Amino acid sequence: MNCHLFLQGDIRIGKSTLIRKAILSYLNDVGGYYVQRIYANDNPKRYIGFAVKPVSMKDDYQLNAYVNSLSDVNGLFLYCNQLGIWQQIPGVFTRAAVDYMNNAILQKKKLIIMDELGGVELEDIAFSKTVLSILNGDIPVLGVLKLPLNVQKFKKAAGGKYDIAIEKIQRIYDEIKNHKKVTVLTLSKTEDFSVETKLLGFVKGVFDREKI
């Protein structure tokens, strides 16, 4: 398997859950970012936003959060307004994610998490350059690569309000997915055991290699 591993699959199929499970024992040596799903306390079955968070200690590394108000959420970058339209807060995701990835490098982490990428954030030059620079480097990466159709879904959900450079995103997306050091595994309901086995093997291999 190559130096970097990305999971793909349908929304809410369990990609981030598998990654979290695989790296919990190694968190002191892991950096990067993940996306947290935000729910309202008064309606805990419906998510209302997404926030970007640093990979940190177990108690802080929570894939879901429940809040009284979106104003309580640090790192909020996408939310559903009162009209049911999803709205982006420009720059929040990309600035934070770049900081978390660069901090992982400065702190000499042994594994960098990129959970997730492959959408409108690829328009951001600093973000894309950071991602590609890390992929060209020697620090292993584990992450989630969005399915291409999710960009189109976002554009439709946003009511066409955002000028998304689809061609630019697609070019960088392809560069990531087809990178010579990248392996992409597709998670499905019928193949989750096989993917999980490969994922656990990848993580174990990263840290076993560091012991040599």
Protein backbone atom coordinates (compact mmCIF):
# COMPACT_ATOMS: atom_id res chain seq x y z
CA MET A 1 0.00 0.00 0.00
CA ASN A 2 1.19 3.53 -0.74
CA CYS A 3 2.25 6.19 1.76
CA HIS A 4 -1.19 7.83 2.00
CA LEU A 5 -4.64 6.28 2.37
CA PHE A 6 -8.02 7.87 1.67
CA LEU A 7 -11.49 6.43 2.18
CA GLN A 8 -14.42 7.12 -0.09
CA GLY A 9 -18.06 6.18 0.25
CA ASP A 10 -21.58 7.44 0.66
CA ILE A 11 -22.40 10.10 3.22
CA ARG A 12 -22.76 8.73 6.77
CA ILE A 13 -21.56 5.25 5.86
CA GLY A 14 -18.94 5.40 8.63
CA LYS A 15 -15.69 6.59 7.06
CA SER A 16 -14.76 9.04 9.82
CA THR A 17 -15.85 6.58 12.49
CA LEU A 18 -13.46 3.95 11.13
CA ILE A 19 -10.60 6.44 11.03
CA ARG A 20 -11.22 7.57 14.59
CA LYS A 21 -11.34 3.98 15.79
CA ALA A 22 -8.09 3.15 14.00
CA ILE A 23 -6.04 6.02 15.42
CA LEU A 24 -7.34 6.35 19.01
CA SER A 25 -4.39 4.44 20.44
CA TYR A 26 -1.89 6.72 18.68
CA LEU A 27 -3.39 10.20 19.16
CA ASN A 28 -0.26 11.66 20.76
CA ASP A 29 1.52 11.17 17.44
CA VAL A 30 -1.35 12.20 15.15
CA GLY A 31 -2.28 15.67 13.88
CA GLY A 32 -4.42 17.27 11.22
CA TYR A 33 -8.12 18.05 11.07
CA TYR A 34 -11.56 16.49 10.94
CA VAL A 35 -15.11 17.69 10.34
CA GLN A 36 -17.57 17.64 13.22
CA ARG A 37 -21.31 17.31 12.57
CA ILE A 38 -23.40 19.74 14.62
CA TYR A 39 -26.86 18.92 15.98
CA ALA A 40 -29.35 21.11 17.83
CA ASN A 41 -30.21 19.98 21.35
CA ASP A 42 -33.90 20.59 20.70
CA ASN A 43 -33.83 18.40 17.56
CA PRO A 44 -30.98 15.90 17.96
CA LYS A 45 -31.94 13.82 14.91
CA ARG A 46 -31.25 16.60 12.41
CA TYR A 47 -27.84 18.09 11.86
CA ILE A 48 -27.63 21.85 11.31
CA GLY A 49 -23.99 22.56 10.66
CA PHE A 50 -20.41 21.43 10.26
CA ALA A 51 -17.28 22.60 12.08
CA VAL A 52 -13.59 22.00 11.40
CA LYS A 53 -11.64 20.71 14.40
CA PRO A 54 -8.04 19.72 15.15
CA VAL A 55 -7.27 16.07 15.81
CA SER A 56 -6.39 16.06 19.50
CA MET A 57 -7.00 14.03 22.64
CA LYS A 58 -9.72 11.38 22.83
CA ASP A 59 -12.21 13.44 24.84
CA ASP A 60 -11.99 16.33 22.36
CA TYR A 61 -12.04 14.16 19.24
CA GLN A 62 -15.82 13.91 18.84
CA LEU A 63 -17.43 13.44 15.44
CA ASN A 64 -20.79 14.80 16.63
CA ALA A 65 -21.66 17.75 18.85
CA TYR A 66 -25.00 18.92 20.30
CA VAL A 67 -25.52 22.62 20.94
CA ASN A 68 -28.17 25.10 21.96
CA SER A 69 -27.03 27.65 19.40
CA LEU A 70 -24.69 27.70 16.41
CA SER A 71 -23.04 30.74 18.00
CA ASP A 72 -21.57 28.30 20.54
CA VAL A 73 -19.65 26.42 17.83
CA ASN A 74 -15.98 27.12 17.21
CA GLY A 75 -14.82 26.40 13.68
CA LEU A 76 -18.31 26.49 12.14
CA PHE A 77 -17.95 26.74 8.38
CA LEU A 78 -21.24 25.46 6.96
CA TYR A 79 -24.72 25.73 8.43
CA CYS A 80 -28.39 25.47 7.54
CA ASN A 81 -30.27 28.76 7.88
CA GLN A 82 -33.88 29.21 8.94
CA LEU A 83 -35.03 28.83 5.33
CA GLY A 84 -33.41 25.43 5.08
CA ILE A 85 -30.64 26.67 2.79
CA TRP A 86 -27.07 25.64 3.50
CA GLN A 87 -24.69 28.57 3.79
CA GLN A 88 -20.91 28.62 3.78
CA ILE A 89 -18.83 30.90 6.01
CA PRO A 90 -15.97 31.72 3.62
CA GLY A 91 -12.41 31.01 4.67
CA VAL A 92 -13.13 29.35 8.02
CA PHE A 93 -12.52 25.78 6.92
CA THR A 94 -9.48 26.42 4.76
CA ARG A 95 -7.66 28.70 7.20
CA ALA A 96 -8.19 26.37 10.14
CA ALA A 97 -7.37 23.20 8.19
CA VAL A 98 -4.12 24.70 6.86
CA ASP A 99 -3.14 25.72 10.41
CA TYR A 100 -3.87 22.25 11.78
CA MET A 101 -1.92 20.53 9.02
CA ASN A 102 1.06 22.87 9.39
CA ASN A 103 1.01 22.43 13.17
CA ALA A 104 1.17 18.67 12.66
CA ILE A 105 4.32 19.13 10.60
CA LEU A 106 5.90 21.52 13.11
CA GLN A 107 5.10 19.15 15.97
CA LYS A 108 6.63 16.28 14.01
CA LYS A 109 3.50 14.15 14.11
CA LYS A 110 3.85 10.72 12.55
CA LEU A 111 0.46 10.70 10.82
CA ILE A 112 -1.66 13.55 9.41
CA ILE A 113 -5.44 13.28 9.21
CA MET A 114 -7.32 15.03 6.39
CA ASP A 115 -10.95 14.30 7.13
CA GLU A 116 -12.37 15.42 4.77
CA LEU A 117 -11.40 17.05 1.46
CA GLY A 118 -12.33 17.11 -2.19
CA GLY A 119 -14.99 19.81 -2.33
CA VAL A 120 -15.22 23.57 -2.69
CA GLU A 121 -12.21 24.06 -0.38
CA LEU A 122 -9.98 23.00 -3.28
CA GLU A 123 -10.62 26.44 -4.79
CA ASP A 124 -8.46 27.89 -2.02
CA ILE A 125 -4.85 28.17 -3.23
CA ALA A 126 -3.22 27.96 0.22
CA PHE A 127 -5.27 24.92 1.16
CA SER A 128 -4.60 23.05 -2.08
CA LYS A 129 -0.88 23.84 -1.98
CA THR A 130 -0.62 22.62 1.60
CA VAL A 131 -2.42 19.37 0.82
CA LEU A 132 -0.32 18.64 -2.26
CA SER A 133 2.91 19.57 -0.49
CA ILE A 134 2.14 17.10 2.29
CA LEU A 135 1.22 14.38 -0.19
CA ASN A 136 4.57 14.95 -1.91
CA GLY A 137 6.35 14.62 1.44
CA ASP A 138 7.20 11.70 3.71
CA ILE A 139 4.62 12.05 6.49
CA PRO A 140 1.81 9.51 5.93
CA VAL A 141 -1.70 10.85 5.46
CA LEU A 142 -5.00 9.21 6.34
CA GLY A 143 -8.21 10.88 5.30
CA VAL A 144 -11.57 10.99 3.56
CA LEU A 145 -11.82 12.01 -0.08
CA LYS A 146 -15.31 13.16 -1.03
CA LEU A 147 -17.09 11.56 -3.92
CA PRO A 148 -17.13 13.96 -6.92
CA LEU A 149 -20.91 14.19 -6.97
CA ASN A 150 -20.93 15.84 -3.52
CA VAL A 151 -19.65 19.12 -5.00
CA GLN A 152 -22.63 19.21 -7.32
CA LYS A 153 -24.94 18.36 -4.40
CA PHE A 154 -23.58 21.29 -2.41
CA LYS A 155 -24.05 23.67 -5.29
CA LYS A 156 -27.66 22.57 -5.67
CA ALA A 157 -28.36 22.77 -1.93
CA ALA A 158 -26.92 26.29 -1.84
CA GLY A 159 -29.43 27.40 -4.44
CA GLY A 160 -26.70 28.15 -6.97
CA LYS A 161 -25.55 31.13 -4.93
CA TYR A 162 -21.88 30.17 -4.93
CA ASP A 163 -19.64 30.58 -7.92
CA ILE A 164 -17.89 27.24 -7.70
CA ALA A 165 -15.04 26.71 -10.14
CA ILE A 166 -15.94 23.11 -10.90
CA GLU A 167 -13.18 22.63 -13.46
CA LYS A 168 -10.49 23.89 -11.09
CA ILE A 169 -11.78 21.71 -8.27
CA GLN A 170 -11.91 18.69 -10.56
CA ARG A 171 -8.32 19.21 -11.71
CA ILE A 172 -6.95 19.36 -8.16
CA TYR A 173 -9.25 16.55 -7.06
CA ASP A 174 -7.86 14.32 -9.80
CA GLU A 175 -4.31 15.29 -8.84
CA ILE A 176 -4.98 14.13 -5.28
CA LYS A 177 -6.81 10.93 -6.17
CA ASN A 178 -4.28 9.92 -8.83
CA HIS A 179 -1.20 10.90 -6.82
CA LYS A 180 1.45 8.21 -7.02
CA LYS A 181 1.62 7.91 -3.23
CA VAL A 182 -2.15 7.73 -2.68
CA THR A 183 -4.33 4.66 -2.27
CA VAL A 184 -8.12 5.14 -2.27
CA LEU A 185 -10.41 2.55 -0.70
CA THR A 186 -14.17 2.60 -1.21
CA LEU A 187 -16.29 1.81 1.82
CA SER A 188 -19.63 0.12 1.20
CA LYS A 189 -22.13 -1.74 3.32
CA THR A 190 -20.95 -5.06 1.91
CA GLU A 191 -17.20 -4.44 2.07
CA ASP A 192 -16.68 -2.56 5.32
CA PHE A 193 -14.79 -5.45 6.99
CA SER A 194 -12.25 -5.65 4.19
CA VAL A 195 -11.72 -1.88 4.20
CA GLU A 196 -11.46 -1.76 7.99
CA THR A 197 -8.84 -4.51 7.95
CA LYS A 198 -6.76 -2.64 5.38
CA LEU A 199 -7.19 0.62 7.30
CA LEU A 200 -6.04 -0.90 10.59
CA GLY A 201 -3.12 -2.48 8.78
CA PHE A 202 -2.15 0.85 7.27
CA VAL A 203 -2.18 2.63 10.64
CA LYS A 204 -0.28 -0.17 12.36
CA GLY A 205 2.27 -0.10 9.56
CA VAL A 206 2.82 3.65 10.01
CA PHE A 207 3.69 3.30 13.66
CA ASP A 208 5.56 0.02 13.35
CA ARG A 209 7.74 1.71 10.73
CA GLU A 210 8.53 4.49 13.21
CA LYS A 211 9.87 1.91 15.68
CA ILE A 212 12.46 0.62 13.23
